[in-house]
Amino acid sequence: MADIEATTIVSLYVYDLSRGMARNMSMLLLGEQIDGIWHTSIVVFGREYFYGAGGILQCPPSGTRLGQPNQIVNLGTTQVTRSIFLQHIVDLGTSTYKGNQYDIFTHNCNTFSNDLANFLCGTSIPDSILNLPRTVLNTPLGQILQQFAQAPLVGAGIADNILPNLPRGRGGQDLGLEIDIRERILAAGGLSMSDDDSPTSSPAPVGRPKRDILAEVEEEERREREEKLKNREPPIVFRDFGNSVEELLDELEKSLANVELNDDEMRCMHELREYALGSEGSWVLSDEFLNLIGRILLSGEPGIGDDSRVNCLKVLAWLAVTKDDVILVLHQDRRDHVLMRYASHVDQLSPSCQEAVALLICNLFENLSTSEWLLYISEWESENNRGPTSNIRVTTKVGVHALLSKEFKDIGSALVYNFVMKEVKTAVFDDVAVEMSLALLQFLSERPPEPLIWRGLKCLLRCCQLARAEVPSLVKMVGPPPNDLKGTSAKCDEVIDAINVILSTIH
């Protein structure tokens, strides 16, 4: 079986710009102990990415003039693919992380590392780095470090334009900048550096242009997608919402007419319409977009009713089957889990909101990348101290709830069908197989219409195949016997026969 998620290690490289001078001299220069002036970068997919006055830069790991990092922090793993990551980097480099937007105080390398860590892993970099006292930068030492921080750490290309190539690192033993900064720090303390203090470094390998890397990545992932699609059961999704997406957007705006939206939220509403109706990619959605979605779904404000939430969810469900890059929006939600936190309360929502949530989750199975996001096993903390949960558990909960509902079994059976028919790792599916199978048996006992019976039987067969240690015995013990549904249709009988073959091995 294919793994639900292919993970890649993400590391934070931490460099002390002062090369030990801050630790040794901070009490003299500042009157307080500072262990380092930290520059950070993210290392993933075999490259090192960081931000400076030259924009977003990349090089081989440890390929900058700073040499080896002082510390390497393991941030965890990511399920983001290389092609999605590179596209995200390109989007950032042409929007919020241009070179001319660099600010030593508020928008620096550590800001970039933190944003990238949240995108990739849903985690932040250490507070000790993010919260470096601002007062340091108002001292003579800080002024020197400010000059250093504005200087490029690697040979940079065009500062504000990372297309078609990200600027890449260059090797060599150019130590002038490092020596200069050390001399200036010492000079600020009235000291000097001896010849014995001269730093040493080894050459760094020359990086390859982004065009070559991205082409290789895209070709490799294209082959992987084609291989997966060959054996993939087409998902069952819904495209008819009773209204056009433009009408849904109009209704959403009307439902929020009495809600006071700030300037950022008004802009996000405009961006959502532009993304849904235009040809632009998800890059048009700003960082505040998910804050707006969170306010609509989770705030519970008196002025925001179920009509707003239903229209919002239906717009997202429409995007799920029409926009290939909606996965980038989902990955932006790795930190706050807005969508999954709302979906996790499906049993407490109104029937109309329950149906809209199920519709969104079902339609997210349209694309391989979004379906893999639904089945992530990485845990995150749920609200109100209810313990850790994960995307796959929330998806299971929504699927089971919708499958057993009275009003929207069609959506529920389609959602469970999409879930179960997807190639998954057996060890992971075992965690939800029993819950899913019990729900399917109850669903089939209610004898829904023939198309839904067929979906239920196909899912039950798949569960028997994926979790042979539990599910076949469960089917025989709990019932109803699959043979009770014989004669529903020829294709249903064919599935029942396949289930009986497996059940015959259970004694």
Protein backbone atom coordinates (compact mmCIF):
# COMPACT_ATOMS: atom_id res chain seq x y z
CA MET A 1 0.00 0.00 0.00
CA ALA A 2 1.08 3.56 -0.58
CA ASP A 3 1.71 5.68 2.49
CA ILE A 4 -0.89 8.22 3.43
CA GLU A 5 1.81 10.81 3.77
CA ALA A 6 5.36 10.96 2.51
CA THR A 7 7.26 12.98 5.08
CA THR A 8 10.39 15.08 4.69
CA ILE A 9 12.57 16.33 7.55
CA VAL A 10 12.58 20.10 8.11
CA SER A 11 15.50 21.70 9.95
CA LEU A 12 16.18 25.16 11.32
CA TYR A 13 19.79 26.29 10.87
CA VAL A 14 20.79 28.82 13.54
CA TYR A 15 23.82 31.06 13.06
CA ASP A 16 25.32 33.59 15.45
CA LEU A 17 26.03 36.67 13.33
CA SER A 18 28.48 37.90 15.96
CA ARG A 19 30.48 34.66 15.85
CA GLY A 20 30.59 34.45 19.65
CA MET A 21 31.26 38.14 20.20
CA ALA A 22 27.77 38.81 21.53
CA ARG A 23 28.12 36.11 24.17
CA ASN A 24 31.58 37.24 25.20
CA MET A 25 31.14 41.00 24.95
CA SER A 26 27.42 41.63 25.59
CA MET A 27 27.85 42.42 29.28
CA LEU A 28 30.56 44.94 28.42
CA LEU A 29 28.67 46.54 25.55
CA LEU A 30 25.05 46.12 26.63
CA GLY A 31 25.02 45.54 30.34
CA GLU A 32 23.11 42.28 29.88
CA GLN A 33 23.95 38.78 28.72
CA ILE A 34 23.07 37.96 25.12
CA ASP A 35 24.08 34.53 23.88
CA GLY A 36 23.98 35.38 20.21
CA ILE A 37 22.60 37.54 17.43
CA TRP A 38 20.66 34.93 15.54
CA HIS A 39 20.28 34.47 11.83
CA THR A 40 18.12 31.50 10.83
CA SER A 41 17.25 29.58 7.71
CA ILE A 42 15.09 26.60 6.79
CA VAL A 43 16.67 23.50 5.30
CA VAL A 44 14.34 21.17 3.43
CA PHE A 45 14.51 19.09 0.25
CA GLY A 46 18.29 19.36 0.26
CA ARG A 47 18.45 23.16 0.09
CA GLU A 48 18.80 26.02 2.55
CA TYR A 49 16.30 28.91 2.27
CA PHE A 50 16.52 32.27 4.02
CA TYR A 51 15.51 35.90 3.65
CA GLY A 52 17.49 39.11 3.59
CA ALA A 53 17.84 42.39 1.78
CA GLY A 54 18.34 40.39 -1.41
CA GLY A 55 14.92 38.75 -1.07
CA ILE A 56 14.47 35.01 -0.64
CA LEU A 57 17.74 33.22 -1.23
CA GLN A 58 18.69 29.57 -1.47
CA CYS A 59 21.91 27.62 -1.46
CA PRO A 60 23.23 24.19 -0.52
CA PRO A 61 23.01 23.54 3.25
CA SER A 62 25.73 25.52 5.04
CA GLY A 63 26.63 27.12 1.71
CA THR A 64 26.63 30.76 2.85
CA ARG A 65 29.60 32.82 4.01
CA LEU A 66 28.59 31.96 7.55
CA GLY A 67 29.74 28.37 7.05
CA GLN A 68 28.41 25.76 9.46
CA PRO A 69 25.48 26.68 11.73
CA ASN A 70 25.94 27.01 15.46
CA GLN A 71 22.90 24.83 16.00
CA ILE A 72 20.55 22.67 13.94
CA VAL A 73 17.00 22.41 15.32
CA ASN A 74 14.77 19.58 14.09
CA LEU A 75 11.38 21.21 13.47
CA GLY A 76 9.71 17.94 12.53
CA THR A 77 8.51 16.62 9.21
CA THR A 78 6.32 17.95 6.42
CA GLN A 79 3.94 16.32 4.00
CA VAL A 80 4.15 19.30 1.64
CA THR A 81 5.52 18.16 -1.72
CA ARG A 82 8.59 19.77 -3.23
CA SER A 83 6.69 21.28 -6.13
CA ILE A 84 4.09 22.86 -3.82
CA PHE A 85 6.85 24.14 -1.55
CA LEU A 86 8.80 25.69 -4.42
CA GLN A 87 5.66 27.32 -5.76
CA HIS A 88 4.99 28.71 -2.29
CA ILE A 89 8.52 30.11 -2.15
CA VAL A 90 8.02 31.77 -5.52
CA ASP A 91 4.71 33.26 -4.34
CA LEU A 92 6.31 34.61 -1.16
CA GLY A 93 9.23 36.06 -3.08
CA THR A 94 6.91 38.04 -5.31
CA SER A 95 4.56 39.21 -2.57
CA THR A 96 5.39 39.46 1.15
CA TYR A 97 9.10 38.69 1.05
CA LYS A 98 10.56 40.94 -1.60
CA GLY A 99 14.01 42.29 -0.87
CA ASN A 100 12.80 45.85 -0.49
CA GLN A 101 10.38 44.76 2.23
CA TYR A 102 13.18 43.57 4.51
CA ASP A 103 13.23 45.23 7.91
CA ILE A 104 15.77 44.34 10.57
CA PHE A 105 13.25 44.86 13.36
CA THR A 106 9.97 43.41 12.10
CA HIS A 107 10.40 41.55 8.82
CA ASN A 108 13.68 39.69 8.81
CA CYS A 109 15.24 36.26 8.33
CA ASN A 110 13.69 34.94 11.53
CA THR A 111 10.24 36.16 10.52
CA PHE A 112 10.64 34.28 7.25
CA SER A 113 11.92 31.13 8.97
CA ASN A 114 8.97 31.22 11.36
CA ASP A 115 6.42 31.61 8.56
CA LEU A 116 8.03 28.83 6.55
CA ALA A 117 8.17 26.55 9.60
CA ASN A 118 4.46 27.07 10.16
CA PHE A 119 3.69 26.40 6.50
CA LEU A 120 5.72 23.20 6.42
CA CYS A 121 5.23 21.77 9.92
CA GLY A 122 2.58 23.83 11.67
CA THR A 123 5.14 24.85 14.30
CA SER A 124 7.11 27.94 15.24
CA ILE A 125 10.82 28.47 15.65
CA PRO A 126 12.10 28.88 19.25
CA ASP A 127 10.90 31.95 21.14
CA SER A 128 14.46 32.64 22.25
CA ILE A 129 15.22 33.51 18.63
CA LEU A 130 12.02 35.38 17.83
CA ASN A 131 12.11 37.40 21.02
CA LEU A 132 15.66 38.69 20.86
CA PRO A 133 15.43 41.98 22.80
CA ARG A 134 14.91 44.88 20.49
CA THR A 135 17.05 47.03 22.75
CA VAL A 136 20.12 45.19 21.44
CA LEU A 137 19.68 46.82 18.07
CA ASN A 138 19.72 50.29 19.60
CA THR A 139 23.24 49.85 20.98
CA PRO A 140 26.56 50.42 19.16
CA LEU A 141 26.80 46.66 18.77
CA GLY A 142 23.29 46.56 17.37
CA GLN A 143 24.05 49.29 14.84
CA ILE A 144 27.02 47.29 13.57
CA LEU A 145 24.97 44.14 13.38
CA GLN A 146 22.30 46.06 11.54
CA GLN A 147 24.82 46.93 8.82
CA PHE A 148 25.88 43.30 8.70
CA ALA A 149 22.33 42.01 8.51
CA GLN A 150 21.58 44.25 5.55
CA ALA A 151 24.52 42.79 3.64
CA PRO A 152 23.95 39.67 1.51
CA LEU A 153 25.16 36.42 3.05
CA VAL A 154 25.56 34.74 -0.34
CA GLY A 155 26.06 35.92 -3.87
CA ALA A 156 22.62 37.31 -4.63
CA GLY A 157 20.84 37.71 -7.89
CA ILE A 158 18.08 40.22 -8.58
CA ALA A 159 16.85 41.44 -5.20
CA ASP A 160 13.11 41.74 -5.82
CA ASN A 161 12.55 39.12 -8.49
CA ILE A 162 13.20 35.44 -7.80
CA LEU A 163 11.74 34.30 -11.12
CA PRO A 164 12.80 32.35 -13.07
CA ASN A 165 15.71 31.59 -10.73
CA LEU A 166 16.02 31.90 -7.01
CA PRO A 167 19.31 33.58 -6.17
CA ARG A 168 21.76 30.86 -5.23
CA GLY A 169 24.80 30.62 -3.01
CA ARG A 170 28.34 30.80 -4.20
CA GLY A 171 31.31 29.05 -2.73
CA GLY A 172 34.82 30.26 -2.05
CA GLN A 173 36.80 31.52 0.88
CA ASP A 174 35.58 35.09 0.87
CA LEU A 175 36.02 35.88 4.56
CA GLY A 176 36.17 39.65 4.29
CA LEU A 177 32.66 40.29 5.51
CA GLU A 178 32.99 38.03 8.55
CA ILE A 179 36.37 39.50 9.49
CA ASP A 180 34.95 42.99 9.06
CA ILE A 181 32.01 42.38 11.35
CA ARG A 182 34.23 40.83 14.05
CA GLU A 183 36.63 43.78 13.85
CA ARG A 184 33.79 46.28 14.13
CA ILE A 185 32.29 44.52 17.14
CA LEU A 186 35.63 44.53 18.89
CA ALA A 187 36.24 48.13 17.93
CA ALA A 188 32.92 49.07 19.56
CA GLY A 189 34.37 47.68 22.79
CA GLY A 190 37.71 49.38 22.31
CA LEU A 191 39.48 46.12 21.47
CA SER A 192 41.16 44.61 18.43
CA MET A 193 41.49 41.21 16.82
CA SER A 194 44.81 39.40 16.61
CA ASP A 195 45.94 37.34 13.64
CA ASP A 196 45.26 34.20 15.65
CA ASP A 197 41.59 35.14 15.83
CA SER A 198 41.13 35.04 12.07
CA PRO A 199 38.22 32.79 11.23
CA THR A 200 38.53 29.90 8.88
CA SER A 201 36.04 28.36 6.54
CA SER A 202 35.85 25.69 3.92
CA PRO A 203 34.58 26.20 0.40
CA ALA A 204 30.87 25.67 -0.17
CA PRO A 205 29.57 23.87 -3.23
CA VAL A 206 27.93 25.90 -5.94
CA GLY A 207 24.12 25.61 -6.02
CA ARG A 208 22.13 24.71 -9.10
CA PRO A 209 19.61 27.13 -10.64
CA LYS A 210 16.04 26.77 -9.42
CA ARG A 211 14.90 26.16 -13.00
CA ASP A 212 16.84 22.88 -13.15
CA ILE A 213 15.74 21.75 -9.68
CA LEU A 214 12.09 22.60 -10.24
CA ALA A 215 12.04 20.90 -13.63
CA GLU A 216 13.39 17.70 -12.11
CA VAL A 217 10.96 17.86 -9.21
CA GLU A 218 7.96 18.49 -11.43
CA GLU A 219 8.89 15.64 -13.77
CA GLU A 220 9.37 13.22 -10.87
CA GLU A 221 6.09 14.21 -9.25
CA ARG A 222 4.27 14.07 -12.59
CA ARG A 223 5.34 10.45 -12.96
CA GLU A 224 4.25 9.71 -9.39
CA ARG A 225 0.84 11.32 -9.96
CA GLU A 226 0.31 9.40 -13.19
CA GLU A 227 1.18 6.14 -11.46
CA LYS A 228 -1.26 6.86 -8.64
CA LEU A 229 -4.00 7.91 -11.03
CA LYS A 230 -3.73 4.68 -13.01
CA ASN A 231 -5.07 2.65 -10.11
CA ARG A 232 -7.16 5.33 -8.43
CA GLU A 233 -10.90 4.92 -8.14
CA PRO A 234 -12.45 8.18 -9.39
CA PRO A 235 -13.76 10.11 -6.39
CA ILE A 236 -17.42 10.95 -6.04
CA VAL A 237 -17.78 14.73 -5.74
CA PHE A 238 -20.58 17.27 -6.04
CA ARG A 239 -20.55 20.22 -8.40
CA ASP A 240 -24.20 21.27 -8.37
CA PHE A 241 -24.88 23.48 -5.36
CA GLY A 242 -28.20 24.86 -6.56
CA ASN A 243 -26.49 28.22 -7.06
CA SER A 244 -23.56 29.43 -9.08
CA VAL A 245 -20.42 30.33 -7.17
CA GLU A 246 -21.07 33.98 -7.95
CA GLU A 247 -24.51 33.68 -6.36
CA LEU A 248 -22.98 31.93 -3.34
CA LEU A 249 -20.50 34.79 -2.97
CA ASP A 250 -23.34 37.31 -3.22
CA GLU A 251 -25.29 35.46 -0.54
CA LEU A 252 -22.22 35.28 1.69
CA GLU A 253 -21.69 39.04 1.44
CA LYS A 254 -25.39 39.73 2.10
CA SER A 255 -25.33 37.50 5.18
CA LEU A 256 -22.41 39.53 6.54
CA ALA A 257 -24.00 42.88 5.77
CA ASN A 258 -24.63 43.62 9.46
CA VAL A 259 -21.18 42.43 10.57
CA GLU A 260 -18.49 45.08 10.96
CA LEU A 261 -15.57 43.86 8.86
CA ASN A 262 -12.22 45.59 9.16
CA ASP A 263 -10.18 46.71 6.17
CA ASP A 264 -8.22 43.45 6.00
CA GLU A 265 -11.41 41.38 6.08
CA MET A 266 -13.02 43.51 3.37
CA ARG A 267 -9.93 43.01 1.25
CA CYS A 268 -10.10 39.24 1.87
CA MET A 269 -13.71 39.14 0.67
CA HIS A 270 -12.63 40.88 -2.51
CA GLU A 271 -9.69 38.49 -2.92
CA LEU A 272 -11.96 35.47 -2.47
CA ARG A 273 -14.22 36.69 -5.25
CA GLU A 274 -11.21 37.38 -7.46
CA TYR A 275 -9.84 33.87 -6.82
CA ALA A 276 -13.17 32.12 -7.35
CA LEU A 277 -14.28 33.96 -10.48
CA GLY A 278 -10.96 34.87 -12.06
CA SER A 279 -8.02 32.99 -13.47
CA GLU A 280 -5.57 33.98 -10.76
CA GLY A 281 -4.07 31.38 -8.44
CA SER A 282 -4.45 31.11 -4.68
CA TRP A 283 -1.56 33.55 -4.27
CA VAL A 284 -4.15 36.34 -4.51
CA LEU A 285 -5.43 35.29 -1.07
CA SER A 286 -3.53 37.19 1.61
CA ASP A 287 -2.29 35.83 4.92
CA GLU A 288 -5.40 37.22 6.65
CA PHE A 289 -7.78 35.10 4.53
CA LEU A 290 -7.93 32.20 6.97
CA ASN A 291 -8.44 34.67 9.82
CA LEU A 292 -11.63 35.78 8.09
CA ILE A 293 -12.73 32.16 7.54
CA GLY A 294 -12.01 31.45 11.20
CA ARG A 295 -14.12 34.41 12.28
CA ILE A 296 -17.04 33.24 10.14
CA LEU A 297 -16.86 29.61 11.25
CA LEU A 298 -15.58 29.73 14.81
CA SER A 299 -16.24 33.09 16.45
CA GLY A 300 -19.88 32.51 17.37
CA GLU A 301 -20.61 36.23 17.03
CA PRO A 302 -24.34 37.02 17.18
CA GLY A 303 -24.27 38.72 13.79
CA ILE A 304 -22.74 35.73 12.01
CA GLY A 305 -25.38 33.07 11.47
CA ASP A 306 -25.57 29.63 9.92
CA ASP A 307 -26.40 31.15 6.53
CA SER A 308 -22.96 32.82 6.54
CA ARG A 309 -21.23 29.59 7.54
CA VAL A 310 -23.10 27.46 5.00
CA ASN A 311 -22.37 29.86 2.14
CA CYS A 312 -18.73 30.10 3.17
CA LEU A 313 -18.35 26.29 3.28
CA LYS A 314 -20.10 25.87 -0.07
CA VAL A 315 -17.78 28.39 -1.71
CA LEU A 316 -14.82 26.44 -0.34
CA ALA A 317 -16.39 23.17 -1.56
CA TRP A 318 -16.74 24.68 -5.02
CA LEU A 319 -13.09 25.77 -4.98
CA ALA A 320 -12.10 22.22 -3.98
CA VAL A 321 -13.34 20.82 -7.30
CA THR A 322 -12.37 23.71 -9.55
CA LYS A 323 -9.00 25.01 -8.30
CA ASP A 324 -5.95 22.75 -8.44
CA ASP A 325 -3.93 24.99 -6.11
CA VAL A 326 -6.42 25.11 -3.22
CA ILE A 327 -3.94 22.86 -1.38
CA LEU A 328 -1.81 25.96 -0.76
CA VAL A 329 -4.67 27.45 1.25
CA LEU A 330 -4.94 24.25 3.28
CA HIS A 331 -1.23 24.23 4.03
CA GLN A 332 -1.50 27.80 5.30
CA ASP A 333 -3.95 26.37 7.84
CA ARG A 334 -1.34 24.00 9.31
CA ARG A 335 -0.85 26.14 12.41
CA ASP A 336 -4.39 27.15 13.43
CA HIS A 337 -6.37 24.25 11.90
CA VAL A 338 -9.37 26.53 11.36
CA LEU A 339 -11.21 24.24 8.94
CA MET A 340 -10.51 21.01 10.81
CA ARG A 341 -11.32 22.54 14.20
CA TYR A 342 -14.73 23.55 12.89
CA ALA A 343 -15.29 20.17 11.25
CA SER A 344 -14.35 18.37 14.47
CA HIS A 345 -17.55 19.78 16.03
CA VAL A 346 -19.75 18.36 13.26
CA ASP A 347 -22.04 16.57 15.72
CA GLN A 348 -22.79 19.88 17.48
CA LEU A 349 -23.63 21.89 14.36
CA SER A 350 -27.00 22.60 12.79
CA PRO A 351 -28.10 20.14 10.08
CA SER A 352 -27.40 22.68 7.32
CA CYS A 353 -23.87 23.29 8.61
CA GLN A 354 -23.28 19.55 9.06
CA GLU A 355 -24.21 18.98 5.42
CA ALA A 356 -21.99 21.84 4.22
CA VAL A 357 -19.00 20.51 6.20
CA ALA A 358 -19.53 17.01 4.79
CA LEU A 359 -19.78 18.49 1.29
CA LEU A 360 -16.47 20.34 1.69
CA ILE A 361 -14.64 17.29 3.07
CA CYS A 362 -16.09 15.08 0.32
CA ASN A 363 -15.08 17.46 -2.46
CA LEU A 364 -11.55 17.82 -1.11
CA PHE A 365 -10.99 14.24 -2.30
CA GLU A 366 -11.09 15.54 -5.88
CA ASN A 367 -7.33 16.14 -6.01
CA LEU A 368 -4.55 13.87 -4.79
CA SER A 369 -2.86 16.61 -2.78
CA THR A 370 -6.00 17.75 -0.94
CA SER A 371 -7.10 14.16 -0.29
CA GLU A 372 -3.71 13.44 1.28
CA TRP A 373 -4.14 16.52 3.46
CA LEU A 374 -7.43 15.11 4.75
CA LEU A 375 -5.68 11.93 5.85
CA TYR A 376 -2.64 13.41 7.59
CA ILE A 377 -1.87 11.50 10.77
CA SER A 378 0.21 14.28 12.36
CA GLU A 379 -1.45 15.19 15.65
CA TRP A 380 -2.46 18.65 16.80
CA GLU A 381 -4.12 19.84 20.00
CA SER A 382 -7.89 20.11 19.90
CA GLU A 383 -9.82 22.72 21.85
CA ASN A 384 -10.97 22.62 25.47
CA ASN A 385 -8.34 20.10 26.56
CA ARG A 386 -9.96 17.29 24.61
CA GLY A 387 -6.54 15.88 23.78
CA PRO A 388 -4.69 15.51 20.51
CA THR A 389 -6.45 14.77 17.25
CA SER A 390 -5.47 14.69 13.57
CA ASN A 391 -6.88 15.37 10.14
CA ILE A 392 -7.59 11.69 9.53
CA ARG A 393 -9.57 11.41 12.76
CA VAL A 394 -11.64 14.49 11.95
CA THR A 395 -12.25 13.23 8.42
CA THR A 396 -13.38 9.90 9.86
CA LYS A 397 -15.71 11.62 12.33
CA VAL A 398 -17.34 13.74 9.62
CA GLY A 399 -17.65 10.72 7.31
CA VAL A 400 -19.28 8.50 9.93
CA HIS A 401 -21.62 11.26 11.07
CA ALA A 402 -22.72 12.08 7.53
CA LEU A 403 -23.09 8.41 6.59
CA LEU A 404 -25.55 7.83 9.45
CA SER A 405 -27.44 11.10 9.04
CA LYS A 406 -31.05 11.19 7.92
CA GLU A 407 -30.75 14.17 5.60
CA PHE A 408 -27.54 13.75 3.59
CA LYS A 409 -26.62 10.07 3.30
CA ASP A 410 -25.74 10.67 -0.35
CA ILE A 411 -22.91 13.01 0.61
CA GLY A 412 -21.93 10.83 3.57
CA SER A 413 -21.68 7.64 1.52
CA ALA A 414 -19.68 9.48 -1.15
CA LEU A 415 -17.29 10.86 1.48
CA VAL A 416 -16.71 7.46 3.07
CA TYR A 417 -16.33 5.90 -0.38
CA ASN A 418 -13.64 8.45 -1.30
CA PHE A 419 -11.87 7.85 2.02
CA VAL A 420 -11.87 4.06 1.93
CA MET A 421 -11.10 3.65 -1.76
CA LYS A 422 -8.00 5.79 -1.48
CA GLU A 423 -4.71 3.90 -1.23
CA VAL A 424 -3.69 4.04 2.41
CA LYS A 425 -1.12 2.54 4.71
CA THR A 426 -2.63 -0.47 6.50
CA ALA A 427 -1.09 0.37 9.89
CA VAL A 428 -2.73 3.80 9.79
CA PHE A 429 -6.11 2.61 8.50
CA ASP A 430 -6.31 0.07 11.34
CA ASP A 431 -6.86 3.00 13.72
CA VAL A 432 -10.16 3.95 12.07
CA ALA A 433 -11.18 0.70 10.30
CA VAL A 434 -13.39 -0.63 13.10
CA GLU A 435 -15.25 2.66 13.57
CA MET A 436 -15.76 3.00 9.83
CA SER A 437 -16.90 -0.62 9.41
CA LEU A 438 -19.44 -0.43 12.24
CA ALA A 439 -20.92 2.67 10.64
CA LEU A 440 -21.09 0.94 7.26
CA LEU A 441 -22.88 -2.08 8.72
CA GLN A 442 -25.47 0.18 10.35
CA PHE A 443 -25.82 2.16 7.13
CA LEU A 444 -26.42 -1.01 5.08
CA SER A 445 -28.93 -2.33 7.59
CA GLU A 446 -31.14 0.67 6.78
CA ARG A 447 -31.31 -0.45 3.12
CA PRO A 448 -30.73 2.90 1.39
CA PRO A 449 -31.24 3.30 -2.38
CA GLU A 450 -29.27 0.95 -4.65
CA PRO A 451 -26.48 3.39 -5.63
CA LEU A 452 -25.78 4.01 -1.95
CA ILE A 453 -25.91 0.29 -1.13
CA TRP A 454 -23.29 -0.33 -3.79
CA ARG A 455 -21.04 2.39 -2.32
CA GLY A 456 -21.49 0.92 1.15
CA LEU A 457 -20.67 -2.61 -0.01
CA LYS A 458 -17.60 -1.44 -1.93
CA CYS A 459 -16.40 0.35 1.20
CA LEU A 460 -17.05 -2.69 3.38
CA LEU A 461 -15.11 -4.92 0.97
CA ARG A 462 -12.23 -2.47 1.03
CA CYS A 463 -12.24 -2.39 4.83
CA CYS A 464 -12.13 -6.19 4.88
CA GLN A 465 -9.14 -6.12 2.55
CA LEU A 466 -7.23 -3.42 4.42
CA ALA A 467 -7.91 -4.58 7.98
CA ARG A 468 -8.21 -8.37 7.68
CA ALA A 469 -7.33 -8.88 11.33
CA GLU A 470 -10.42 -7.03 12.62
CA VAL A 471 -13.08 -6.21 10.07
CA PRO A 472 -14.08 -9.64 8.64
CA SER A 473 -14.66 -11.00 12.15
CA LEU A 474 -16.59 -7.86 12.99
CA VAL A 475 -18.86 -8.29 9.96
CA LYS A 476 -19.67 -11.89 10.91
CA MET A 477 -20.27 -11.00 14.54
CA VAL A 478 -22.29 -7.79 14.16
CA GLY A 479 -24.09 -8.27 10.84
CA PRO A 480 -26.27 -7.93 8.95
CA PRO A 481 -24.93 -10.72 6.71
CA PRO A 482 -24.03 -9.29 3.29
CA ASN A 483 -26.21 -11.97 1.71
CA ASP A 484 -29.26 -10.14 3.09
CA LEU A 485 -28.64 -7.57 0.36
CA LYS A 486 -28.42 -10.13 -2.43
CA GLY A 487 -30.63 -9.32 -5.39
CA THR A 488 -30.33 -5.53 -5.02
CA SER A 489 -28.50 -5.37 -8.34
CA ALA A 490 -26.00 -7.39 -10.35
CA LYS A 491 -23.11 -5.14 -9.43
CA CYS A 492 -24.04 -5.26 -5.74
CA ASP A 493 -24.15 -9.08 -5.90
CA GLU A 494 -20.66 -9.08 -7.41
CA VAL A 495 -19.30 -7.12 -4.43
CA ILE A 496 -21.16 -9.34 -1.96
CA ASP A 497 -19.55 -12.42 -3.49
CA ALA A 498 -16.10 -10.86 -3.02
CA ILE A 499 -16.88 -10.09 0.64
CA ASN A 500 -18.10 -13.67 1.19
CA VAL A 501 -14.79 -15.03 -0.09
CA ILE A 502 -12.97 -13.14 2.66
CA LEU A 503 -15.56 -14.05 5.31
CA SER A 504 -15.21 -17.75 4.42
CA THR A 505 -11.65 -17.66 5.77
CA ILE A 506 -12.89 -16.62 9.24
CA HIS A 507 -13.72 -19.46 11.61
